[in-house]
Amino acid sequence: MRTIVFILLLITIGCKTKQLKDAPSIDHIYDNLIDDELITDQIQLLGTDVISGRIINEDIKLIDLVAIKLTVNDSVCVNAYSDLDRLFSLNYDSSMINRDSFFEIVYYGYSRKKIYFSNFPKNGNILLDKSGKLISFEEYRKFYEEIRGCAKLIR
């Protein structure tokens, strides 16, 4: 009986040692993470001015990842996504804002919302409603992915 227990113990230790020996090092994992091909988003901000707000919906359903795009001018845009608390914030350059700058807020199951920068609510609350054409999940995903391209940077 002792022989069987001893053999099982040796097999167990041998298997665990082999697993640890073959595991990749943390340096190898880190090197792969910082590979240029894997990095898709940059961290440079458009400006130092910040505008923030909160998304509110009529039916008090939990919503997150509402896609928000600030079109500053014809060639510059900034994106944001709301968090679980429905909050969002954007960095922008106030010297680039003009009277045609606007926010576009999109979430599936709700109407597309367009708010000119000059009409952004003082309290930052943006109400999503279901009046007008409702956005499908496919339209939402397309918009969500599109605004990733305009990101938080330019300059």
Protein backbone atom coordinates (compact mmCIF):
# COMPACT_ATOMS: atom_id res chain seq x y z
CA MET A 1 0.00 0.00 0.00
CA ARG A 2 2.84 2.37 0.88
CA THR A 3 4.44 1.64 -2.46
CA ILE A 4 1.31 2.66 -4.36
CA VAL A 5 0.98 5.92 -2.39
CA PHE A 6 4.67 6.66 -2.97
CA ILE A 7 4.33 6.07 -6.74
CA LEU A 8 1.23 8.28 -6.95
CA LEU A 9 3.06 11.01 -5.04
CA LEU A 10 6.00 10.85 -7.46
CA ILE A 11 3.71 11.01 -10.49
CA THR A 12 1.84 14.01 -9.05
CA ILE A 13 5.05 15.90 -8.27
CA GLY A 14 6.51 15.03 -11.68
CA CYS A 15 3.44 16.31 -13.53
CA LYS A 16 3.32 19.58 -11.59
CA THR A 17 7.04 20.19 -12.14
CA LYS A 18 6.62 19.69 -15.89
CA GLN A 19 3.70 22.15 -16.00
CA LEU A 20 5.68 24.84 -14.18
CA LYS A 21 8.75 24.22 -16.31
CA ASP A 22 6.81 24.65 -19.58
CA ALA A 23 4.86 27.76 -18.49
CA PRO A 24 5.82 30.95 -20.36
CA SER A 25 7.67 33.62 -18.42
CA ILE A 26 5.93 36.86 -17.47
CA ASP A 27 8.44 38.76 -19.63
CA HIS A 28 7.35 36.74 -22.66
CA ILE A 29 3.68 37.48 -21.96
CA TYR A 30 4.39 41.21 -21.44
CA ASP A 31 6.41 41.41 -24.67
CA ASN A 32 3.47 39.96 -26.60
CA LEU A 33 1.04 42.44 -25.03
CA ILE A 34 3.03 45.47 -26.11
CA ASP A 35 3.52 44.24 -29.65
CA ASP A 36 2.60 47.08 -32.05
CA GLU A 37 0.10 44.89 -33.88
CA LEU A 38 -1.93 44.33 -30.70
CA ILE A 39 -2.19 47.97 -29.66
CA THR A 40 -5.21 49.53 -31.36
CA ASP A 41 -6.06 52.59 -29.27
CA GLN A 42 -3.77 55.47 -28.44
CA ILE A 43 -3.95 57.52 -25.27
CA GLN A 44 -3.24 61.05 -26.55
CA LEU A 45 -6.13 63.40 -25.78
CA LEU A 46 -7.50 66.02 -28.16
CA GLY A 47 -7.43 68.82 -25.58
CA THR A 48 -7.49 69.69 -21.92
CA ASP A 49 -11.10 70.85 -21.71
CA VAL A 50 -13.54 68.28 -20.34
CA ILE A 51 -17.28 67.91 -20.74
CA SER A 52 -19.17 65.22 -18.90
CA GLY A 53 -22.70 64.04 -18.52
CA ARG A 54 -25.10 61.29 -17.62
CA ILE A 55 -27.39 59.25 -19.86
CA ILE A 56 -30.98 58.95 -18.61
CA ASN A 57 -33.65 56.73 -20.13
CA GLU A 58 -37.42 56.77 -19.71
CA ASP A 59 -37.90 53.18 -18.61
CA ILE A 60 -35.13 53.19 -15.99
CA LYS A 61 -33.58 50.09 -17.57
CA LEU A 62 -29.88 49.57 -16.88
CA ILE A 63 -27.92 50.69 -19.92
CA ASP A 64 -24.19 50.95 -20.44
CA LEU A 65 -21.83 51.50 -23.34
CA VAL A 66 -23.99 54.17 -24.90
CA ALA A 67 -21.94 55.41 -27.88
CA ILE A 68 -21.30 59.16 -27.81
CA LYS A 69 -19.61 61.08 -30.60
CA LEU A 70 -18.67 64.76 -30.52
CA THR A 71 -18.18 66.05 -34.05
CA VAL A 72 -15.93 69.08 -33.53
CA ASN A 73 -15.63 70.00 -37.23
CA ASP A 74 -15.49 68.26 -40.61
CA SER A 75 -12.21 66.48 -39.84
CA VAL A 76 -12.13 66.08 -36.06
CA CYS A 77 -14.31 63.99 -33.78
CA VAL A 78 -14.06 62.63 -30.26
CA ASN A 79 -15.68 59.50 -28.84
CA ALA A 80 -16.85 58.27 -25.46
CA TYR A 81 -18.89 55.42 -24.06
CA SER A 82 -21.03 55.55 -20.93
CA ASP A 83 -20.15 53.36 -17.97
CA LEU A 84 -22.39 51.24 -15.72
CA ASP A 85 -23.41 54.38 -13.82
CA ARG A 86 -24.43 55.93 -17.17
CA LEU A 87 -21.67 58.55 -16.87
CA PHE A 88 -19.35 59.72 -19.64
CA SER A 89 -16.72 62.38 -20.21
CA LEU A 90 -14.86 63.73 -23.23
CA ASN A 91 -11.66 65.71 -23.60
CA TYR A 92 -11.75 68.36 -26.30
CA ASP A 93 -10.07 71.59 -27.39
CA SER A 94 -12.46 74.51 -26.86
CA SER A 95 -10.67 76.61 -29.49
CA MET A 96 -11.77 74.09 -32.14
CA ILE A 97 -15.47 74.13 -31.20
CA ASN A 98 -17.72 76.04 -33.61
CA ARG A 99 -21.47 76.60 -33.95
CA ASP A 100 -21.80 73.42 -36.04
CA SER A 101 -20.14 71.14 -33.44
CA PHE A 102 -22.58 68.53 -32.15
CA PHE A 103 -23.01 65.39 -30.07
CA GLU A 104 -24.53 62.23 -31.45
CA ILE A 105 -25.78 59.71 -28.89
CA VAL A 106 -26.69 56.19 -30.04
CA TYR A 107 -27.98 53.13 -28.18
CA TYR A 108 -30.02 50.25 -29.53
CA GLY A 109 -33.73 50.27 -28.79
CA TYR A 110 -33.76 54.09 -28.55
CA SER A 111 -33.90 56.98 -31.03
CA ARG A 112 -30.68 58.57 -32.27
CA LYS A 113 -30.09 61.82 -30.39
CA LYS A 114 -28.32 64.87 -31.84
CA ILE A 115 -27.46 67.83 -29.58
CA TYR A 116 -25.50 70.88 -30.71
CA PHE A 117 -22.57 71.69 -28.45
CA SER A 118 -24.09 75.08 -27.61
CA ASN A 119 -27.30 73.32 -26.47
CA PHE A 120 -25.60 70.73 -24.24
CA PRO A 121 -27.62 70.66 -20.99
CA LYS A 122 -26.03 72.55 -18.09
CA ASN A 123 -26.66 69.63 -15.72
CA GLY A 124 -25.22 67.19 -18.28
CA ASN A 125 -28.27 64.92 -18.26
CA ILE A 126 -29.17 63.54 -21.68
CA LEU A 127 -32.53 61.81 -21.99
CA LEU A 128 -32.77 58.89 -24.40
CA ASP A 129 -36.29 58.35 -25.68
CA LYS A 130 -38.15 56.12 -28.09
CA SER A 131 -39.73 58.81 -30.25
CA GLY A 132 -38.85 58.42 -33.91
CA LYS A 133 -36.95 55.60 -35.60
CA LEU A 134 -35.47 53.15 -33.09
CA ILE A 135 -31.87 52.03 -33.56
CA SER A 136 -31.35 48.32 -34.21
CA PHE A 137 -28.53 46.41 -32.54
CA GLU A 138 -26.70 46.17 -35.88
CA GLU A 139 -26.91 49.96 -36.42
CA TYR A 140 -25.67 50.53 -32.86
CA ARG A 141 -22.69 48.17 -33.31
CA LYS A 142 -21.79 49.83 -36.62
CA PHE A 143 -21.84 53.30 -35.02
CA TYR A 144 -19.97 51.98 -31.96
CA GLU A 145 -17.17 50.63 -34.15
CA GLU A 146 -17.11 53.68 -36.47
CA ILE A 147 -16.49 56.16 -33.68
CA ARG A 148 -13.55 54.13 -32.39
CA GLY A 149 -11.75 55.46 -35.48
CA CYS A 150 -12.19 59.09 -34.50
CA ALA A 151 -11.01 58.22 -30.98
CA LYS A 152 -9.74 60.62 -28.37
CA LEU A 153 -6.95 62.06 -30.40
CA ILE A 154 -5.79 64.02 -33.39
CA ARG A 155 -2.75 66.42 -33.09
